[in-house]
Amino acid sequence: MEIHVDRARCTGIGMCESVTPDYFEVFDDGTLVLHRVDVPEQDVALIEDAVRACPAGALSLESGHEV
């Protein structure tokens, strides 16, 4: 699974960071940084919580693309 961010929708509030600081960081200027994009199975429920917590609906969790 992979985290995807719609940068046009992200408002930099930081709810994702409050739920999962190992994956998300929001700088003082509102810029969101993903520390990890790939999500191991044991963290999927935690990232789903962060996706639901985003008031802007800017986050999604999607299956990785196999090459």
N, C-alpha and C. Protein backbone atom coordinates (compact mmCIF):
# COMPACT_ATOMS: atom_id res chain seq x y z
N MET A 1 0.84 -1.17 0.00
CA MET A 1 0.00 0.00 0.00
C MET A 1 0.90 1.25 0.00
N GLU A 2 0.37 2.31 -0.61
CA GLU A 2 1.12 3.56 -0.69
C GLU A 2 0.23 4.73 -0.29
N ILE A 3 0.86 5.70 0.37
CA ILE A 3 0.17 6.94 0.73
C ILE A 3 0.25 7.89 -0.45
N HIS A 4 -0.88 8.49 -0.79
CA HIS A 4 -0.92 9.51 -1.84
C HIS A 4 -1.48 10.79 -1.24
N VAL A 5 -0.89 11.92 -1.64
CA VAL A 5 -1.31 13.23 -1.15
C VAL A 5 -1.75 14.08 -2.34
N ASP A 6 -2.94 14.63 -2.25
CA ASP A 6 -3.40 15.61 -3.23
C ASP A 6 -2.92 16.97 -2.71
N ARG A 7 -1.78 17.41 -3.21
CA ARG A 7 -1.16 18.64 -2.71
C ARG A 7 -2.05 19.86 -2.91
N ALA A 8 -2.89 19.84 -3.92
CA ALA A 8 -3.79 20.96 -4.17
C ALA A 8 -4.86 21.07 -3.09
N ARG A 9 -5.19 19.96 -2.44
CA ARG A 9 -6.22 19.96 -1.40
C ARG A 9 -5.64 20.11 0.01
N CYS A 10 -4.38 19.74 0.20
CA CYS A 10 -3.77 19.75 1.53
C CYS A 10 -3.72 21.18 2.08
N THR A 11 -4.25 21.35 3.29
CA THR A 11 -4.26 22.67 3.92
C THR A 11 -3.20 22.81 5.01
N GLY A 12 -2.46 21.73 5.28
CA GLY A 12 -1.36 21.79 6.24
C GLY A 12 -1.80 21.92 7.69
N ILE A 13 -2.99 21.45 8.00
CA ILE A 13 -3.49 21.53 9.38
C ILE A 13 -2.71 20.62 10.31
N GLY A 14 -2.34 19.45 9.83
CA GLY A 14 -1.49 18.55 10.62
C GLY A 14 -2.20 17.45 11.37
N MET A 15 -3.45 17.19 11.06
CA MET A 15 -4.15 16.09 11.73
C MET A 15 -3.45 14.76 11.44
N CYS A 16 -2.95 14.59 10.23
CA CYS A 16 -2.25 13.36 9.87
C CYS A 16 -1.01 13.17 10.75
N GLU A 17 -0.30 14.26 10.98
CA GLU A 17 0.91 14.19 11.81
C GLU A 17 0.55 13.83 13.24
N SER A 18 -0.56 14.34 13.74
CA SER A 18 -0.94 14.03 15.11
C SER A 18 -1.32 12.56 15.27
N VAL A 19 -1.81 11.94 14.20
CA VAL A 19 -2.18 10.53 14.25
C VAL A 19 -0.97 9.63 14.02
N THR A 20 -0.15 9.97 13.04
CA THR A 20 0.99 9.11 12.66
C THR A 20 2.25 9.93 12.37
N PRO A 21 2.91 10.44 13.40
CA PRO A 21 4.09 11.28 13.19
C PRO A 21 5.28 10.55 12.54
N ASP A 22 5.27 9.22 12.54
CA ASP A 22 6.34 8.49 11.86
C ASP A 22 6.23 8.58 10.35
N TYR A 23 5.05 8.91 9.86
CA TYR A 23 4.82 8.99 8.42
C TYR A 23 4.68 10.43 7.92
N PHE A 24 4.08 11.30 8.72
CA PHE A 24 3.75 12.65 8.28
C PHE A 24 4.40 13.71 9.16
N GLU A 25 4.81 14.81 8.53
CA GLU A 25 5.29 15.98 9.26
C GLU A 25 4.79 17.21 8.52
N VAL A 26 4.25 18.16 9.27
CA VAL A 26 3.79 19.41 8.69
C VAL A 26 4.67 20.52 9.25
N PHE A 27 5.36 21.20 8.35
CA PHE A 27 6.24 22.30 8.75
C PHE A 27 5.41 23.51 9.15
N ASP A 28 6.04 24.48 9.79
CA ASP A 28 5.35 25.68 10.25
C ASP A 28 4.66 26.44 9.11
N ASP A 29 5.18 26.31 7.90
CA ASP A 29 4.56 26.99 6.76
C ASP A 29 3.42 26.19 6.13
N GLY A 30 3.08 25.03 6.73
CA GLY A 30 1.98 24.22 6.24
C GLY A 30 2.37 23.17 5.21
N THR A 31 3.64 23.08 4.90
CA THR A 31 4.11 22.09 3.94
C THR A 31 4.11 20.70 4.56
N LEU A 32 3.46 19.76 3.88
CA LEU A 32 3.42 18.38 4.35
C LEU A 32 4.57 17.59 3.76
N VAL A 33 5.28 16.88 4.63
CA VAL A 33 6.37 16.01 4.21
C VAL A 33 5.99 14.58 4.59
N LEU A 34 6.10 13.68 3.62
CA LEU A 34 5.90 12.26 3.88
C LEU A 34 7.26 11.65 4.20
N HIS A 35 7.39 11.07 5.38
CA HIS A 35 8.64 10.41 5.74
C HIS A 35 8.72 9.02 5.13
N ARG A 36 7.56 8.43 4.88
CA ARG A 36 7.49 7.12 4.26
C ARG A 36 6.26 7.11 3.34
N VAL A 37 6.40 6.51 2.19
CA VAL A 37 5.29 6.41 1.24
C VAL A 37 4.70 5.00 1.29
N ASP A 38 5.58 4.01 1.32
CA ASP A 38 5.14 2.63 1.37
C ASP A 38 4.69 2.27 2.78
N VAL A 39 3.54 1.59 2.86
CA VAL A 39 2.94 1.26 4.15
C VAL A 39 2.91 -0.26 4.30
N PRO A 40 3.65 -0.80 5.29
CA PRO A 40 3.59 -2.24 5.53
C PRO A 40 2.22 -2.61 6.11
N GLU A 41 1.84 -3.85 5.93
CA GLU A 41 0.53 -4.33 6.35
C GLU A 41 0.21 -4.00 7.80
N GLN A 42 1.19 -4.08 8.68
CA GLN A 42 0.93 -3.83 10.11
C GLN A 42 0.58 -2.37 10.41
N ASP A 43 0.85 -1.44 9.48
CA ASP A 43 0.55 -0.02 9.70
C ASP A 43 -0.67 0.47 8.91
N VAL A 44 -1.29 -0.39 8.14
CA VAL A 44 -2.40 0.04 7.28
C VAL A 44 -3.53 0.66 8.09
N ALA A 45 -3.94 0.05 9.18
CA ALA A 45 -5.05 0.59 9.99
C ALA A 45 -4.69 1.97 10.55
N LEU A 46 -3.46 2.17 10.94
CA LEU A 46 -3.02 3.46 11.47
C LEU A 46 -3.08 4.54 10.38
N ILE A 47 -2.64 4.21 9.18
CA ILE A 47 -2.68 5.18 8.09
C ILE A 47 -4.12 5.45 7.67
N GLU A 48 -4.96 4.43 7.71
CA GLU A 48 -6.38 4.65 7.42
C GLU A 48 -6.98 5.65 8.40
N ASP A 49 -6.55 5.60 9.66
CA ASP A 49 -7.00 6.59 10.66
C ASP A 49 -6.56 7.99 10.27
N ALA A 50 -5.32 8.12 9.80
CA ALA A 50 -4.80 9.42 9.37
C ALA A 50 -5.56 9.94 8.16
N VAL A 51 -5.88 9.05 7.23
CA VAL A 51 -6.64 9.44 6.03
C VAL A 51 -8.01 9.98 6.44
N ARG A 52 -8.68 9.28 7.36
CA ARG A 52 -9.99 9.73 7.83
C ARG A 52 -9.91 11.03 8.63
N ALA A 53 -8.78 11.27 9.29
CA ALA A 53 -8.62 12.47 10.12
C ALA A 53 -8.37 13.73 9.30
N CYS A 54 -7.99 13.57 8.04
CA CYS A 54 -7.68 14.74 7.20
C CYS A 54 -8.96 15.50 6.86
N PRO A 55 -9.12 16.72 7.37
CA PRO A 55 -10.34 17.48 7.10
C PRO A 55 -10.47 17.94 5.65
N ALA A 56 -9.36 17.98 4.94
CA ALA A 56 -9.39 18.43 3.54
C ALA A 56 -9.58 17.27 2.56
N GLY A 57 -9.52 16.05 3.06
CA GLY A 57 -9.64 14.89 2.17
C GLY A 57 -8.48 14.78 1.20
N ALA A 58 -7.30 15.20 1.64
CA ALA A 58 -6.15 15.24 0.75
C ALA A 58 -5.34 13.94 0.73
N LEU A 59 -5.65 13.02 1.62
CA LEU A 59 -4.88 11.79 1.72
C LEU A 59 -5.66 10.59 1.22
N SER A 60 -4.93 9.64 0.66
CA SER A 60 -5.53 8.36 0.30
C SER A 60 -4.49 7.27 0.45
N LEU A 61 -4.96 6.06 0.61
CA LEU A 61 -4.11 4.89 0.73
C LEU A 61 -4.51 3.98 -0.42
N GLU A 62 -3.53 3.68 -1.28
CA GLU A 62 -3.83 2.93 -2.49
C GLU A 62 -2.86 1.78 -2.66
N SER A 63 -3.29 0.79 -3.40
CA SER A 63 -2.42 -0.35 -3.69
C SER A 63 -1.24 0.13 -4.52
N GLY A 64 -0.07 -0.41 -4.23
CA GLY A 64 1.13 -0.05 -4.99
C GLY A 64 1.02 -0.56 -6.40
N HIS A 65 1.71 0.08 -7.29
CA HIS A 65 1.71 -0.32 -8.70
C HIS A 65 2.86 -1.28 -8.94
N GLU A 66 2.51 -2.48 -9.40
CA GLU A 66 3.54 -3.45 -9.70
C GLU A 66 4.06 -3.22 -11.11
N VAL A 67 5.36 -3.39 -11.25
CA VAL A 67 5.99 -3.17 -12.56
C VAL A 67 6.40 -4.50 -13.13
